[in-house]
Amino acid sequence: MDNLNTHKASSFYEAFLPEKAKQVWDRFESKHGSWLNMAEIELNVLNGQCLNRRIDNIETVKQEVAAWQEHRNNLNAKINWQFTTENSRIKLKRLYPSINN
């Protein structure tokens, strides 16, 4: 997970009533990676498939994004998160402590 306070349930309980906080927290599944990274991936897909051209007014942007979102939801599109703990230890090894004997 990223070092962000929203990755902790307590942050939601500080912002919402307990029932709402639990409801919001339960929507996040963070065991496969950071939801923030997944959101960034999805926004890149949106940009590449929908917003990769000049759109001259906000109403058209809203309509285009709504249509793209409906289409993507109908496809039941998912992010294939493949960054494993093993991969992170290789890529980010400078951040992990090492034990020298």
N, C-alpha and C. Protein backbone atom coordinates (compact mmCIF):
# COMPACT_ATOMS: atom_id res chain seq x y z
N MET A 1 0.83 -1.18 0.00
CA MET A 1 0.00 0.00 0.00
C MET A 1 0.87 1.25 0.00
N ASP A 2 0.35 2.29 -0.57
CA ASP A 2 1.03 3.58 -0.49
C ASP A 2 0.97 4.08 0.95
N ASN A 3 1.86 4.94 1.30
CA ASN A 3 1.85 5.53 2.63
C ASN A 3 0.87 6.70 2.65
N LEU A 4 -0.38 6.39 2.63
CA LEU A 4 -1.42 7.39 2.58
C LEU A 4 -2.43 7.07 3.67
N ASN A 5 -2.87 8.07 4.41
CA ASN A 5 -3.75 7.81 5.55
C ASN A 5 -5.10 7.24 5.14
N THR A 6 -5.52 7.40 3.88
CA THR A 6 -6.81 6.86 3.45
C THR A 6 -6.77 5.36 3.29
N HIS A 7 -5.61 4.75 3.46
CA HIS A 7 -5.51 3.29 3.39
C HIS A 7 -5.83 2.65 4.73
N LYS A 8 -6.17 3.44 5.70
CA LYS A 8 -6.50 2.93 7.02
C LYS A 8 -7.97 3.20 7.29
N ALA A 9 -8.64 2.21 7.84
CA ALA A 9 -10.07 2.36 8.13
C ALA A 9 -10.32 3.55 9.05
N SER A 10 -9.39 3.82 9.95
CA SER A 10 -9.59 4.91 10.91
C SER A 10 -9.82 6.25 10.22
N SER A 11 -9.21 6.45 9.04
CA SER A 11 -9.41 7.70 8.32
C SER A 11 -10.87 7.88 7.91
N PHE A 12 -11.50 6.79 7.53
CA PHE A 12 -12.91 6.88 7.14
C PHE A 12 -13.80 7.12 8.36
N TYR A 13 -13.42 6.53 9.49
CA TYR A 13 -14.19 6.75 10.71
C TYR A 13 -14.03 8.17 11.23
N GLU A 14 -12.94 8.83 10.89
CA GLU A 14 -12.77 10.23 11.26
C GLU A 14 -13.63 11.14 10.39
N ALA A 15 -13.88 10.71 9.15
CA ALA A 15 -14.59 11.56 8.19
C ALA A 15 -16.10 11.29 8.13
N PHE A 16 -16.52 10.06 8.49
CA PHE A 16 -17.92 9.67 8.34
C PHE A 16 -18.47 9.10 9.64
N LEU A 17 -19.79 9.02 9.70
CA LEU A 17 -20.43 8.30 10.80
C LEU A 17 -20.04 6.82 10.68
N PRO A 18 -20.03 6.06 11.79
CA PRO A 18 -19.54 4.68 11.75
C PRO A 18 -20.17 3.79 10.67
N GLU A 19 -21.48 3.88 10.48
CA GLU A 19 -22.14 3.03 9.49
C GLU A 19 -21.64 3.35 8.07
N LYS A 20 -21.54 4.64 7.78
CA LYS A 20 -21.07 5.08 6.45
C LYS A 20 -19.59 4.74 6.29
N ALA A 21 -18.79 4.93 7.33
CA ALA A 21 -17.36 4.63 7.26
C ALA A 21 -17.14 3.16 6.91
N LYS A 22 -17.87 2.27 7.56
CA LYS A 22 -17.73 0.84 7.27
C LYS A 22 -18.16 0.53 5.85
N GLN A 23 -19.25 1.14 5.42
CA GLN A 23 -19.75 0.92 4.06
C GLN A 23 -18.70 1.35 3.03
N VAL A 24 -18.10 2.49 3.23
CA VAL A 24 -17.08 2.99 2.30
C VAL A 24 -15.84 2.12 2.36
N TRP A 25 -15.36 1.81 3.56
CA TRP A 25 -14.15 0.99 3.72
C TRP A 25 -14.31 -0.37 3.07
N ASP A 26 -15.50 -0.97 3.21
CA ASP A 26 -15.74 -2.30 2.65
C ASP A 26 -15.70 -2.33 1.12
N ARG A 27 -15.81 -1.16 0.49
CA ARG A 27 -15.77 -1.09 -0.97
C ARG A 27 -14.35 -1.25 -1.51
N PHE A 28 -13.35 -1.05 -0.67
CA PHE A 28 -11.96 -1.13 -1.10
C PHE A 28 -11.41 -2.53 -0.87
N GLU A 29 -10.78 -3.04 -1.89
CA GLU A 29 -10.09 -4.32 -1.77
C GLU A 29 -8.62 -4.04 -2.06
N SER A 30 -7.82 -4.02 -1.02
CA SER A 30 -6.44 -3.59 -1.20
C SER A 30 -5.44 -4.73 -1.15
N LYS A 31 -5.90 -5.96 -1.15
CA LYS A 31 -4.96 -7.06 -1.02
C LYS A 31 -4.13 -7.27 -2.29
N HIS A 32 -4.55 -6.77 -3.42
CA HIS A 32 -3.82 -6.96 -4.67
C HIS A 32 -3.03 -5.74 -5.08
N GLY A 33 -2.97 -4.75 -4.25
CA GLY A 33 -2.22 -3.54 -4.57
C GLY A 33 -3.00 -2.32 -4.16
N SER A 34 -2.39 -1.22 -4.33
CA SER A 34 -2.99 0.03 -3.90
C SER A 34 -4.17 0.42 -4.78
N TRP A 35 -5.28 0.76 -4.13
CA TRP A 35 -6.44 1.23 -4.90
C TRP A 35 -6.10 2.52 -5.62
N LEU A 36 -5.19 3.30 -5.05
CA LEU A 36 -4.80 4.54 -5.69
C LEU A 36 -4.09 4.26 -7.01
N ASN A 37 -3.20 3.29 -7.01
CA ASN A 37 -2.53 2.91 -8.26
C ASN A 37 -3.53 2.39 -9.28
N MET A 38 -4.50 1.61 -8.82
CA MET A 38 -5.52 1.10 -9.73
C MET A 38 -6.36 2.24 -10.30
N ALA A 39 -6.65 3.23 -9.48
CA ALA A 39 -7.40 4.40 -9.96
C ALA A 39 -6.59 5.14 -11.02
N GLU A 40 -5.29 5.26 -10.80
CA GLU A 40 -4.42 5.91 -11.80
C GLU A 40 -4.43 5.14 -13.11
N ILE A 41 -4.40 3.82 -13.03
CA ILE A 41 -4.46 2.99 -14.24
C ILE A 41 -5.77 3.24 -14.98
N GLU A 42 -6.87 3.23 -14.24
CA GLU A 42 -8.18 3.43 -14.86
C GLU A 42 -8.29 4.82 -15.49
N LEU A 43 -7.73 5.84 -14.84
CA LEU A 43 -7.74 7.18 -15.42
C LEU A 43 -6.90 7.24 -16.69
N ASN A 44 -5.81 6.50 -16.74
CA ASN A 44 -5.02 6.43 -17.98
C ASN A 44 -5.80 5.76 -19.10
N VAL A 45 -6.58 4.73 -18.76
CA VAL A 45 -7.42 4.08 -19.77
C VAL A 45 -8.47 5.08 -20.27
N LEU A 46 -9.10 5.79 -19.35
CA LEU A 46 -10.09 6.82 -19.73
C LEU A 46 -9.46 7.84 -20.66
N ASN A 47 -8.29 8.31 -20.32
CA ASN A 47 -7.61 9.30 -21.15
C ASN A 47 -7.31 8.75 -22.54
N GLY A 48 -6.81 7.52 -22.60
CA GLY A 48 -6.45 6.94 -23.89
C GLY A 48 -7.63 6.57 -24.76
N GLN A 49 -8.74 6.17 -24.14
CA GLN A 49 -9.90 5.71 -24.92
C GLN A 49 -10.96 6.78 -25.15
N CYS A 50 -10.93 7.84 -24.36
CA CYS A 50 -12.04 8.79 -24.42
C CYS A 50 -11.60 10.24 -24.53
N LEU A 51 -10.58 10.63 -23.80
CA LEU A 51 -10.24 12.04 -23.69
C LEU A 51 -8.97 12.41 -24.45
N ASN A 52 -8.60 11.61 -25.43
CA ASN A 52 -7.33 11.81 -26.15
C ASN A 52 -7.49 12.75 -27.34
N ARG A 53 -8.37 13.71 -27.19
CA ARG A 53 -8.59 14.70 -28.26
C ARG A 53 -9.06 16.00 -27.62
N ARG A 54 -9.11 17.04 -28.41
CA ARG A 54 -9.58 18.32 -27.89
C ARG A 54 -11.10 18.30 -27.82
N ILE A 55 -11.62 18.60 -26.64
CA ILE A 55 -13.07 18.72 -26.43
C ILE A 55 -13.30 20.12 -25.91
N ASP A 56 -14.13 20.90 -26.61
CA ASP A 56 -14.18 22.33 -26.33
C ASP A 56 -15.17 22.79 -25.26
N ASN A 57 -15.93 21.85 -24.65
CA ASN A 57 -16.80 22.31 -23.57
C ASN A 57 -17.02 21.19 -22.55
N ILE A 58 -17.29 21.59 -21.33
CA ILE A 58 -17.38 20.65 -20.22
C ILE A 58 -18.58 19.72 -20.35
N GLU A 59 -19.66 20.18 -20.94
CA GLU A 59 -20.84 19.32 -21.09
C GLU A 59 -20.53 18.13 -22.00
N THR A 60 -19.78 18.38 -23.06
CA THR A 60 -19.39 17.28 -23.95
C THR A 60 -18.46 16.32 -23.22
N VAL A 61 -17.55 16.84 -22.41
CA VAL A 61 -16.67 15.99 -21.62
C VAL A 61 -17.50 15.10 -20.70
N LYS A 62 -18.47 15.68 -20.01
CA LYS A 62 -19.32 14.91 -19.10
C LYS A 62 -20.08 13.81 -19.84
N GLN A 63 -20.63 14.15 -21.01
CA GLN A 63 -21.37 13.16 -21.80
C GLN A 63 -20.46 12.04 -22.30
N GLU A 64 -19.29 12.41 -22.78
CA GLU A 64 -18.34 11.42 -23.29
C GLU A 64 -17.86 10.49 -22.18
N VAL A 65 -17.54 11.05 -21.02
CA VAL A 65 -17.07 10.24 -19.90
C VAL A 65 -18.19 9.32 -19.41
N ALA A 66 -19.41 9.82 -19.34
CA ALA A 66 -20.54 8.99 -18.91
C ALA A 66 -20.76 7.83 -19.88
N ALA A 67 -20.68 8.10 -21.17
CA ALA A 67 -20.85 7.03 -22.17
C ALA A 67 -19.71 6.01 -22.07
N TRP A 68 -18.47 6.50 -21.90
CA TRP A 68 -17.32 5.60 -21.76
C TRP A 68 -17.48 4.74 -20.52
N GLN A 69 -17.89 5.36 -19.41
CA GLN A 69 -18.05 4.64 -18.16
C GLN A 69 -19.13 3.56 -18.28
N GLU A 70 -20.24 3.89 -18.89
CA GLU A 70 -21.32 2.91 -19.07
C GLU A 70 -20.84 1.74 -19.93
N HIS A 71 -20.13 2.05 -21.02
CA HIS A 71 -19.60 1.00 -21.89
C HIS A 71 -18.62 0.11 -21.13
N ARG A 72 -17.72 0.73 -20.38
CA ARG A 72 -16.70 -0.04 -19.63
C ARG A 72 -17.36 -0.90 -18.54
N ASN A 73 -18.37 -0.34 -17.88
CA ASN A 73 -19.09 -1.12 -16.87
C ASN A 73 -19.84 -2.29 -17.51
N ASN A 74 -20.44 -2.07 -18.67
CA ASN A 74 -21.15 -3.15 -19.36
C ASN A 74 -20.21 -4.27 -19.79
N LEU A 75 -18.96 -3.91 -20.08
CA LEU A 75 -17.95 -4.92 -20.43
C LEU A 75 -17.46 -5.67 -19.19
N ASN A 76 -17.81 -5.14 -18.02
CA ASN A 76 -17.31 -5.68 -16.75
C ASN A 76 -15.78 -5.66 -16.75
N ALA A 77 -15.22 -4.56 -17.27
CA ALA A 77 -13.77 -4.42 -17.40
C ALA A 77 -13.12 -4.39 -16.03
N LYS A 78 -11.96 -5.03 -15.94
CA LYS A 78 -11.21 -5.08 -14.69
C LYS A 78 -9.75 -4.76 -14.97
N ILE A 79 -9.06 -4.35 -13.93
CA ILE A 79 -7.63 -4.11 -14.01
C ILE A 79 -6.92 -5.41 -13.65
N ASN A 80 -5.98 -5.82 -14.47
CA ASN A 80 -5.20 -7.02 -14.20
C ASN A 80 -3.94 -6.62 -13.44
N TRP A 81 -4.04 -6.55 -12.12
CA TRP A 81 -2.95 -6.09 -11.27
C TRP A 81 -1.94 -7.22 -11.14
N GLN A 82 -0.70 -7.00 -11.59
CA GLN A 82 0.29 -8.06 -11.60
C GLN A 82 1.55 -7.73 -10.79
N PHE A 83 1.55 -6.64 -10.08
CA PHE A 83 2.73 -6.24 -9.32
C PHE A 83 2.72 -6.96 -7.98
N THR A 84 3.47 -8.05 -7.90
CA THR A 84 3.47 -8.90 -6.71
C THR A 84 4.47 -8.41 -5.68
N THR A 85 4.41 -8.99 -4.50
CA THR A 85 5.37 -8.67 -3.46
C THR A 85 6.78 -9.00 -3.93
N GLU A 86 6.93 -10.13 -4.61
CA GLU A 86 8.25 -10.52 -5.12
C GLU A 86 8.78 -9.49 -6.11
N ASN A 87 7.91 -9.03 -7.02
CA ASN A 87 8.30 -8.00 -7.99
C ASN A 87 8.70 -6.71 -7.28
N SER A 88 7.94 -6.35 -6.25
CA SER A 88 8.24 -5.10 -5.55
C SER A 88 9.58 -5.19 -4.83
N ARG A 89 9.92 -6.36 -4.30
CA ARG A 89 11.21 -6.51 -3.60
C ARG A 89 12.38 -6.37 -4.57
N ILE A 90 12.17 -6.74 -5.83
CA ILE A 90 13.22 -6.57 -6.84
C ILE A 90 13.28 -5.12 -7.29
N LYS A 91 12.13 -4.59 -7.69
CA LYS A 91 12.09 -3.23 -8.24
C LYS A 91 12.42 -2.17 -7.18
N LEU A 92 11.99 -2.41 -5.96
CA LEU A 92 12.14 -1.41 -4.90
C LEU A 92 13.13 -1.86 -3.84
N LYS A 93 14.11 -2.68 -4.22
CA LYS A 93 15.00 -3.27 -3.23
C LYS A 93 15.77 -2.23 -2.42
N ARG A 94 15.99 -1.07 -2.98
CA ARG A 94 16.69 -0.02 -2.23
C ARG A 94 15.87 0.47 -1.04
N LEU A 95 14.55 0.22 -1.05
CA LEU A 95 13.69 0.66 0.05
C LEU A 95 13.55 -0.39 1.15
N TYR A 96 13.96 -1.62 0.85
CA TYR A 96 13.85 -2.69 1.83
C TYR A 96 15.16 -2.84 2.59
N PRO A 97 15.08 -3.02 3.90
CA PRO A 97 16.33 -3.20 4.65
C PRO A 97 16.96 -4.55 4.32
N SER A 98 18.26 -4.60 4.39
CA SER A 98 18.94 -5.88 4.18
C SER A 98 19.73 -6.21 5.43
N ILE A 99 19.87 -7.49 5.69
CA ILE A 99 20.61 -7.95 6.85
C ILE A 99 21.97 -8.44 6.36
N ASN A 100 23.01 -7.82 6.83
CA ASN A 100 24.36 -8.20 6.44
C ASN A 100 24.97 -9.04 7.56
N ASN A 101 25.45 -10.23 7.22
CA ASN A 101 26.09 -11.10 8.23
C ASN A 101 27.57 -10.93 8.19
